[in-house]
């Protein structure tokens, strides 16, 4: 079997007709299924790729508590304990520093992390916005969510 020289890219430039494989992939924990109801799709769980996969990993890491993951007891944060403190500026600053610490220590795919935590003391909840740069993709990512205690 022979291989033609045109199959190789000697210049290092990716041809336009070649699809790029995703650099990162992750499982969507919402378990969305690729549509199979009307005969279309495979019925598989929808994967998250590249920037969406990193966003998902960042959020899961921030919301993980210590000892949640087997064989990695110190992977996570102390956010849940902070949610039972009084909702004020000092607690918001503690949550902000905890999120920054866990991302700096345990997520090597992101840098330039900027965390903004705004407390809503009337409803005992915090609005968290995390902005970061994905190192290998050189793209900015942003996620926002609310933190509130359940009980």
N, C-alpha and C. Protein backbone atom coordinates (compact mmCIF):
# COMPACT_ATOMS: atom_id res chain seq x y z
N UNK A 1 0.84 -1.16 0.00
CA UNK A 1 0.00 0.00 0.00
C UNK A 1 0.90 1.23 0.00
N UNK A 2 0.59 2.18 -0.82
CA UNK A 2 1.40 3.39 -0.91
C UNK A 2 0.60 4.57 -0.40
N UNK A 3 1.32 5.55 0.04
CA UNK A 3 0.70 6.78 0.53
C UNK A 3 1.21 7.92 -0.34
N UNK A 4 0.31 8.69 -0.86
CA UNK A 4 0.70 9.82 -1.70
C UNK A 4 1.24 10.95 -0.85
N UNK A 5 2.17 11.69 -1.39
CA UNK A 5 2.74 12.83 -0.66
C UNK A 5 1.70 13.89 -0.34
N UNK A 6 0.63 13.96 -1.07
CA UNK A 6 -0.38 14.97 -0.82
C UNK A 6 -1.16 14.70 0.46
N UNK A 7 -1.01 13.50 1.04
CA UNK A 7 -1.70 13.19 2.29
C UNK A 7 -1.01 13.83 3.49
N UNK A 8 0.19 14.30 3.34
CA UNK A 8 0.94 14.88 4.44
C UNK A 8 0.94 16.40 4.35
N UNK A 9 0.92 17.03 5.48
CA UNK A 9 0.92 18.48 5.55
C UNK A 9 2.31 18.92 6.01
N UNK A 10 3.19 19.23 5.07
CA UNK A 10 4.56 19.59 5.40
C UNK A 10 4.70 21.03 5.86
N UNK A 11 3.75 21.87 5.51
CA UNK A 11 3.86 23.28 5.86
C UNK A 11 3.44 23.58 7.29
N UNK A 12 2.75 22.65 7.95
CA UNK A 12 2.29 22.87 9.31
C UNK A 12 0.99 23.63 9.39
N UNK A 13 0.40 23.97 8.26
CA UNK A 13 -0.87 24.69 8.23
C UNK A 13 -1.99 23.69 8.07
N UNK A 14 -3.02 23.80 8.88
CA UNK A 14 -4.15 22.89 8.80
C UNK A 14 -4.99 23.22 7.58
N UNK A 15 -5.25 22.25 6.73
CA UNK A 15 -6.11 22.51 5.57
C UNK A 15 -7.52 22.88 6.02
N UNK A 16 -8.21 23.67 5.21
CA UNK A 16 -9.54 24.13 5.56
C UNK A 16 -10.57 23.02 5.58
N UNK A 17 -10.34 21.96 4.83
CA UNK A 17 -11.35 20.91 4.74
C UNK A 17 -11.20 19.85 5.82
N UNK A 18 -10.23 19.97 6.70
CA UNK A 18 -10.02 19.00 7.77
C UNK A 18 -10.66 19.52 9.04
N UNK A 19 -11.56 18.74 9.62
CA UNK A 19 -12.24 19.15 10.85
C UNK A 19 -11.29 18.98 12.03
N UNK A 20 -11.27 19.97 12.92
CA UNK A 20 -10.44 19.90 14.10
C UNK A 20 -11.12 19.05 15.16
N UNK A 21 -10.39 18.11 15.71
CA UNK A 21 -10.91 17.32 16.81
C UNK A 21 -10.95 18.21 18.05
N UNK A 22 -11.96 18.04 18.89
CA UNK A 22 -12.02 18.87 20.09
C UNK A 22 -10.83 18.59 21.01
N UNK A 23 -10.31 19.64 21.60
CA UNK A 23 -9.17 19.52 22.49
C UNK A 23 -9.59 18.95 23.84
N UNK A 24 -10.74 19.38 24.34
CA UNK A 24 -11.28 18.90 25.61
C UNK A 24 -12.68 18.38 25.39
N UNK A 25 -13.04 17.35 26.13
CA UNK A 25 -14.42 16.86 26.09
C UNK A 25 -14.81 16.43 27.49
N UNK A 26 -16.10 16.51 27.77
CA UNK A 26 -16.60 16.21 29.10
C UNK A 26 -18.03 15.71 28.97
N UNK A 27 -18.50 15.06 29.99
CA UNK A 27 -19.86 14.54 30.04
C UNK A 27 -20.78 15.62 30.59
N UNK A 28 -21.86 15.89 29.89
CA UNK A 28 -22.84 16.87 30.35
C UNK A 28 -23.66 16.22 31.47
N UNK A 29 -23.53 16.74 32.69
CA UNK A 29 -24.20 16.13 33.83
C UNK A 29 -25.71 16.35 33.83
N UNK A 30 -26.20 17.21 32.94
CA UNK A 30 -27.65 17.35 32.79
C UNK A 30 -28.22 16.18 31.99
N UNK A 31 -27.33 15.39 31.41
CA UNK A 31 -27.69 14.18 30.66
C UNK A 31 -28.66 14.45 29.53
N UNK A 32 -28.39 15.50 28.78
CA UNK A 32 -29.17 15.78 27.58
C UNK A 32 -28.88 14.72 26.52
N UNK A 33 -29.91 14.27 25.84
CA UNK A 33 -29.76 13.18 24.87
C UNK A 33 -29.89 13.74 23.46
N UNK A 34 -29.01 13.27 22.58
CA UNK A 34 -29.12 13.63 21.17
C UNK A 34 -30.40 13.01 20.66
N UNK A 35 -31.32 13.82 20.15
CA UNK A 35 -32.68 13.43 19.82
C UNK A 35 -32.84 12.11 19.09
N UNK A 36 -33.66 11.22 19.61
CA UNK A 36 -33.96 9.97 18.96
C UNK A 36 -35.46 9.76 18.84
N UNK A 37 -36.26 10.68 19.39
CA UNK A 37 -37.71 10.52 19.40
C UNK A 37 -38.29 10.39 18.00
N UNK A 38 -37.86 11.25 17.12
CA UNK A 38 -38.43 11.27 15.77
C UNK A 38 -37.55 10.52 14.77
N UNK A 39 -36.78 9.57 15.26
CA UNK A 39 -35.95 8.77 14.37
C UNK A 39 -34.61 9.39 14.06
N UNK A 40 -34.36 10.63 14.48
CA UNK A 40 -33.08 11.27 14.21
C UNK A 40 -32.16 11.15 15.40
N UNK A 41 -30.89 11.26 15.17
CA UNK A 41 -29.91 11.22 16.24
C UNK A 41 -29.61 9.82 16.69
N UNK A 42 -28.66 9.71 17.58
CA UNK A 42 -28.19 8.40 18.02
C UNK A 42 -28.74 7.99 19.37
N UNK A 43 -29.32 8.92 20.12
CA UNK A 43 -29.81 8.60 21.45
C UNK A 43 -28.70 8.63 22.49
N UNK A 44 -27.50 9.07 22.11
CA UNK A 44 -26.37 9.16 23.03
C UNK A 44 -26.48 10.42 23.86
N UNK A 45 -25.73 10.44 24.96
CA UNK A 45 -25.65 11.63 25.80
C UNK A 45 -24.84 12.68 25.07
N UNK A 46 -25.31 13.91 25.09
CA UNK A 46 -24.65 15.00 24.40
C UNK A 46 -23.32 15.32 25.08
N UNK A 47 -22.21 15.24 24.37
CA UNK A 47 -20.93 15.60 24.99
C UNK A 47 -20.69 17.10 24.96
N UNK A 48 -19.91 17.57 25.91
CA UNK A 48 -19.47 18.96 25.91
C UNK A 48 -18.04 18.97 25.39
N UNK A 49 -17.71 19.95 24.56
CA UNK A 49 -16.36 20.01 24.00
C UNK A 49 -15.76 21.39 24.20
N UNK A 50 -14.46 21.43 24.22
CA UNK A 50 -13.62 22.62 24.30
C UNK A 50 -14.07 23.58 25.39
N UNK A 51 -14.52 24.78 25.05
CA UNK A 51 -14.81 25.80 26.06
C UNK A 51 -15.96 25.39 26.98
N UNK A 52 -16.96 24.69 26.43
CA UNK A 52 -18.07 24.22 27.27
C UNK A 52 -17.61 23.15 28.25
N UNK A 53 -16.68 22.31 27.84
CA UNK A 53 -16.15 21.27 28.73
C UNK A 53 -15.36 21.89 29.88
N UNK A 54 -14.57 22.91 29.58
CA UNK A 54 -13.81 23.58 30.64
C UNK A 54 -14.73 24.34 31.58
N UNK A 55 -15.74 25.01 31.05
CA UNK A 55 -16.72 25.69 31.91
C UNK A 55 -17.40 24.71 32.85
N UNK A 56 -17.79 23.55 32.32
CA UNK A 56 -18.42 22.52 33.13
C UNK A 56 -17.48 22.04 34.23
N UNK A 57 -16.21 21.83 33.89
CA UNK A 57 -15.23 21.36 34.86
C UNK A 57 -14.99 22.40 35.95
N UNK A 58 -14.94 23.67 35.57
CA UNK A 58 -14.74 24.75 36.55
C UNK A 58 -15.91 24.79 37.52
N UNK A 59 -17.12 24.75 37.01
CA UNK A 59 -18.29 24.80 37.89
C UNK A 59 -18.36 23.58 38.80
N UNK A 60 -18.08 22.39 38.26
CA UNK A 60 -18.10 21.18 39.09
C UNK A 60 -17.03 21.23 40.17
N UNK A 61 -15.87 21.77 39.84
CA UNK A 61 -14.80 21.87 40.83
C UNK A 61 -15.17 22.84 41.94
N UNK A 62 -15.76 23.96 41.58
CA UNK A 62 -16.15 24.96 42.59
C UNK A 62 -17.25 24.41 43.49
N UNK A 63 -18.18 23.67 42.93
CA UNK A 63 -19.30 23.16 43.73
C UNK A 63 -19.00 21.86 44.46
N UNK A 64 -17.83 21.28 44.23
CA UNK A 64 -17.45 20.05 44.95
C UNK A 64 -16.98 20.41 46.35
N UNK A 65 -17.39 19.61 47.29
CA UNK A 65 -16.95 19.78 48.67
C UNK A 65 -15.78 18.84 48.92
N UNK A 66 -15.04 19.10 49.98
CA UNK A 66 -13.99 18.17 50.35
C UNK A 66 -14.59 16.78 50.58
N UNK A 67 -13.87 15.74 50.23
CA UNK A 67 -14.24 14.33 50.41
C UNK A 67 -15.40 13.90 49.50
N UNK A 68 -15.79 14.70 48.51
CA UNK A 68 -16.83 14.29 47.58
C UNK A 68 -16.31 13.28 46.56
N UNK A 69 -15.04 13.37 46.23
CA UNK A 69 -14.47 12.52 45.18
C UNK A 69 -13.59 11.45 45.80
N UNK A 70 -13.85 10.19 45.45
CA UNK A 70 -13.04 9.10 46.00
C UNK A 70 -11.57 9.26 45.59
N UNK A 71 -10.68 8.94 46.49
CA UNK A 71 -9.23 8.96 46.28
C UNK A 71 -8.67 10.37 46.09
N UNK A 72 -9.49 11.40 46.19
CA UNK A 72 -9.02 12.78 46.12
C UNK A 72 -9.76 13.60 47.19
N UNK A 73 -9.48 13.32 48.47
CA UNK A 73 -10.28 13.95 49.54
C UNK A 73 -10.10 15.45 49.66
N UNK A 74 -9.00 16.00 49.16
CA UNK A 74 -8.75 17.44 49.31
C UNK A 74 -9.03 18.21 48.03
N UNK A 75 -9.65 17.57 47.06
CA UNK A 75 -10.05 18.25 45.83
C UNK A 75 -11.44 18.81 46.03
N UNK A 76 -11.57 20.10 46.04
CA UNK A 76 -12.85 20.73 46.27
C UNK A 76 -12.66 22.02 47.03
N UNK A 77 -13.76 22.53 47.57
CA UNK A 77 -13.71 23.80 48.28
C UNK A 77 -14.59 23.75 49.52
N UNK A 78 -14.54 24.81 50.29
CA UNK A 78 -15.28 24.91 51.53
C UNK A 78 -16.49 25.83 51.36
N UNK A 79 -17.02 25.89 50.15
CA UNK A 79 -18.11 26.82 49.84
C UNK A 79 -19.38 26.49 50.63
N UNK A 80 -19.71 25.22 50.74
CA UNK A 80 -20.95 24.86 51.44
C UNK A 80 -20.97 25.34 52.87
N UNK A 81 -19.84 25.24 53.56
CA UNK A 81 -19.78 25.71 54.94
C UNK A 81 -19.96 27.22 55.01
N UNK A 82 -19.43 27.93 54.02
CA UNK A 82 -19.55 29.39 54.02
C UNK A 82 -20.98 29.86 53.75
N UNK A 83 -21.78 29.04 53.11
CA UNK A 83 -23.15 29.42 52.81
C UNK A 83 -24.01 29.54 54.07
N UNK A 84 -23.58 28.92 55.16
CA UNK A 84 -24.35 28.97 56.40
C UNK A 84 -23.90 30.11 57.32
N UNK A 85 -22.96 30.91 56.84
CA UNK A 85 -22.58 32.12 57.56
C UNK A 85 -23.56 33.23 57.18
N UNK A 86 -23.54 34.32 57.92
CA UNK A 86 -24.39 35.46 57.59
C UNK A 86 -24.03 35.98 56.20
N UNK A 87 -25.04 36.29 55.41
CA UNK A 87 -24.80 36.82 54.07
C UNK A 87 -24.40 38.28 54.18
N UNK A 88 -23.10 38.54 54.04
CA UNK A 88 -22.59 39.90 54.09
C UNK A 88 -21.33 39.99 53.25
N UNK A 89 -20.70 41.16 53.27
CA UNK A 89 -19.53 41.42 52.46
C UNK A 89 -18.37 40.51 52.82
N UNK A 90 -18.16 40.25 54.10
CA UNK A 90 -17.03 39.42 54.52
C UNK A 90 -17.17 37.98 54.05
N UNK A 91 -18.37 37.44 54.11
CA UNK A 91 -18.60 36.08 53.63
C UNK A 91 -18.44 36.02 52.12
N UNK A 92 -18.89 37.05 51.42
CA UNK A 92 -18.71 37.10 49.96
C UNK A 92 -17.23 37.13 49.60
N UNK A 93 -16.42 37.85 50.37
CA UNK A 93 -14.98 37.88 50.12
C UNK A 93 -14.34 36.52 50.41
N UNK A 94 -14.81 35.83 51.44
CA UNK A 94 -14.29 34.49 51.75
C UNK A 94 -14.63 33.50 50.64
N UNK A 95 -15.85 33.59 50.11
CA UNK A 95 -16.26 32.73 49.00
C UNK A 95 -15.41 33.04 47.77
N UNK A 96 -15.17 34.31 47.51
CA UNK A 96 -14.36 34.71 46.37
C UNK A 96 -12.94 34.15 46.47
N UNK A 97 -12.33 34.27 47.63
CA UNK A 97 -10.95 33.77 47.79
C UNK A 97 -10.91 32.25 47.73
N UNK A 98 -11.94 31.58 48.22
CA UNK A 98 -11.99 30.11 48.16
C UNK A 98 -12.12 29.62 46.72
N UNK A 99 -12.94 30.29 45.93
CA UNK A 99 -13.09 29.91 44.52
C UNK A 99 -11.79 30.16 43.76
N UNK A 100 -11.16 31.28 44.01
CA UNK A 100 -9.89 31.58 43.36
C UNK A 100 -8.83 30.55 43.74
N UNK A 101 -8.78 30.18 45.01
CA UNK A 101 -7.80 29.19 45.47
C UNK A 101 -8.00 27.84 44.81
N UNK A 102 -9.25 27.35 44.77
CA UNK A 102 -9.48 26.02 44.23
C UNK A 102 -9.19 25.98 42.73
N UNK A 103 -9.49 27.04 42.01
CA UNK A 103 -9.21 27.05 40.57
C UNK A 103 -7.72 27.19 40.30
N UNK A 104 -7.03 27.98 41.09
CA UNK A 104 -5.59 28.13 40.92
C UNK A 104 -4.85 26.84 41.25
N UNK A 105 -5.30 26.15 42.29
CA UNK A 105 -4.61 24.94 42.73
C UNK A 105 -4.95 23.70 41.90
N UNK A 106 -6.18 23.60 41.39
CA UNK A 106 -6.63 22.33 40.84
C UNK A 106 -7.10 22.37 39.39
N UNK A 107 -7.08 23.50 38.73
CA UNK A 107 -7.51 23.55 37.32
C UNK A 107 -6.40 24.18 36.48
N UNK A 108 -5.49 23.35 35.96
CA UNK A 108 -4.36 23.89 35.21
C UNK A 108 -4.73 24.41 33.81
N UNK A 109 -5.93 24.12 33.35
CA UNK A 109 -6.32 24.56 32.01
C UNK A 109 -6.73 26.02 31.96
N UNK A 110 -6.90 26.66 33.12
CA UNK A 110 -7.33 28.06 33.15
C UNK A 110 -6.31 28.92 33.89
N UNK A 111 -6.23 30.18 33.49
CA UNK A 111 -5.45 31.17 34.23
C UNK A 111 -6.17 32.51 34.13
N UNK A 112 -5.59 33.54 34.70
CA UNK A 112 -6.22 34.87 34.75
C UNK A 112 -7.64 34.79 35.29
N UNK A 113 -7.78 34.11 36.41
CA UNK A 113 -9.09 33.91 37.01
C UNK A 113 -9.54 35.19 37.72
N UNK A 114 -10.75 35.61 37.39
CA UNK A 114 -11.36 36.77 38.04
C UNK A 114 -12.71 36.34 38.58
N UNK A 115 -12.87 36.43 39.89
CA UNK A 115 -14.10 35.99 40.54
C UNK A 115 -14.79 37.19 41.17
N UNK A 116 -16.08 37.33 40.87
CA UNK A 116 -16.90 38.39 41.48
C UNK A 116 -18.05 37.71 42.21
N UNK A 117 -18.17 38.00 43.49
CA UNK A 117 -19.25 37.45 44.31
C UNK A 117 -20.05 38.61 44.87
N UNK A 118 -21.34 38.62 44.58
CA UNK A 118 -22.22 39.67 45.06
C UNK A 118 -23.24 39.03 46.00
N UNK A 119 -23.30 39.54 47.22
CA UNK A 119 -24.24 38.94 48.18
C UNK A 119 -25.60 39.64 48.10
N UNK A 120 -26.62 38.84 48.21
CA UNK A 120 -27.99 39.34 48.30
C UNK A 120 -28.47 38.92 49.68
N UNK A 121 -28.25 39.78 50.66
CA UNK A 121 -28.53 39.41 52.05
C UNK A 121 -30.02 39.24 52.33
N UNK A 122 -30.89 39.78 51.48
CA UNK A 122 -32.33 39.61 51.69
C UNK A 122 -32.76 38.16 51.48
N UNK A 123 -32.14 37.48 50.54
CA UNK A 123 -32.53 36.09 50.24
C UNK A 123 -31.44 35.09 50.61
N UNK A 124 -30.38 35.55 51.29
CA UNK A 124 -29.27 34.67 51.68
C UNK A 124 -28.71 33.89 50.50
N UNK A 125 -28.41 34.59 49.42
CA UNK A 125 -27.80 33.94 48.27
C UNK A 125 -26.70 34.82 47.72
N UNK A 126 -25.84 34.21 46.92
CA UNK A 126 -24.72 34.91 46.33
C UNK A 126 -24.73 34.69 44.82
N UNK A 127 -24.50 35.75 44.09
CA UNK A 127 -24.35 35.68 42.64
C UNK A 127 -22.86 35.59 42.35
N UNK A 128 -22.42 34.48 41.73
CA UNK A 128 -21.01 34.23 41.45
C UNK A 128 -20.80 34.34 39.94
N UNK A 129 -19.81 35.13 39.56
CA UNK A 129 -19.40 35.24 38.17
C UNK A 129 -17.90 34.95 38.12
N UNK A 130 -17.54 33.97 37.31
CA UNK A 130 -16.14 33.58 37.17
C UNK A 130 -15.72 33.80 35.73
N UNK A 131 -14.69 34.59 35.53
CA UNK A 131 -14.11 34.81 34.21
C UNK A 131 -12.70 34.25 34.23
N UNK A 132 -12.29 33.63 33.13
CA UNK A 132 -10.98 33.00 33.06
C UNK A 132 -10.54 32.89 31.61
N UNK A 133 -9.25 32.62 31.43
CA UNK A 133 -8.70 32.36 30.11
C UNK A 133 -8.33 30.89 30.03
N UNK A 134 -8.77 30.22 28.96
CA UNK A 134 -8.40 28.83 28.74
C UNK A 134 -7.04 28.85 28.06
N UNK A 135 -6.06 28.26 28.71
CA UNK A 135 -4.67 28.40 28.31
C UNK A 135 -4.43 27.91 26.89
N UNK A 136 -4.78 26.68 26.57
CA UNK A 136 -4.43 26.11 25.27
C UNK A 136 -5.30 26.63 24.13
N UNK A 137 -6.49 27.13 24.43
CA UNK A 137 -7.36 27.66 23.38
C UNK A 137 -7.20 29.17 23.21
N UNK A 138 -6.57 29.83 24.22
CA UNK A 138 -6.40 31.28 24.23
C UNK A 138 -7.73 32.00 24.03
N UNK A 139 -8.74 31.52 24.74
CA UNK A 139 -10.08 32.12 24.69
C UNK A 139 -10.55 32.40 26.10
N UNK A 140 -11.39 33.42 26.24
CA UNK A 140 -11.96 33.76 27.53
C UNK A 140 -13.24 32.96 27.75
N UNK A 141 -13.45 32.56 28.97
CA UNK A 141 -14.68 31.88 29.35
C UNK A 141 -15.31 32.60 30.52
N UNK A 142 -16.62 32.46 30.63
CA UNK A 142 -17.34 33.13 31.71
C UNK A 142 -18.52 32.26 32.11
N UNK A 143 -18.66 32.04 33.41
CA UNK A 143 -19.83 31.33 33.92
C UNK A 143 -20.41 32.13 35.09
N UNK A 144 -21.70 32.06 35.23
CA UNK A 144 -22.40 32.73 36.32
C UNK A 144 -23.43 31.78 36.90
N UNK A 145 -23.56 31.80 38.21
CA UNK A 145 -24.56 30.98 38.88
C UNK A 145 -24.82 31.55 40.26
N UNK A 146 -25.88 31.07 40.87
CA UNK A 146 -26.23 31.48 42.23
C UNK A 146 -25.82 30.40 43.21
N UNK A 147 -25.37 30.82 44.36
CA UNK A 147 -25.10 29.93 45.48
C UNK A 147 -26.11 30.25 46.57
N UNK A 148 -26.82 29.25 47.03
CA UNK A 148 -27.75 29.45 48.14
C UNK A 148 -27.81 28.18 48.95
N UNK A 149 -28.06 28.34 50.23
CA UNK A 149 -28.15 27.16 51.07
C UNK A 149 -29.54 26.54 50.93
N UNK A 150 -29.59 25.25 51.10
CA UNK A 150 -30.84 24.55 50.91
C UNK A 150 -31.67 24.49 52.17
N UNK A 151 -31.06 24.61 53.31
CA UNK A 151 -31.80 24.47 54.54
C UNK A 151 -31.42 25.51 55.54
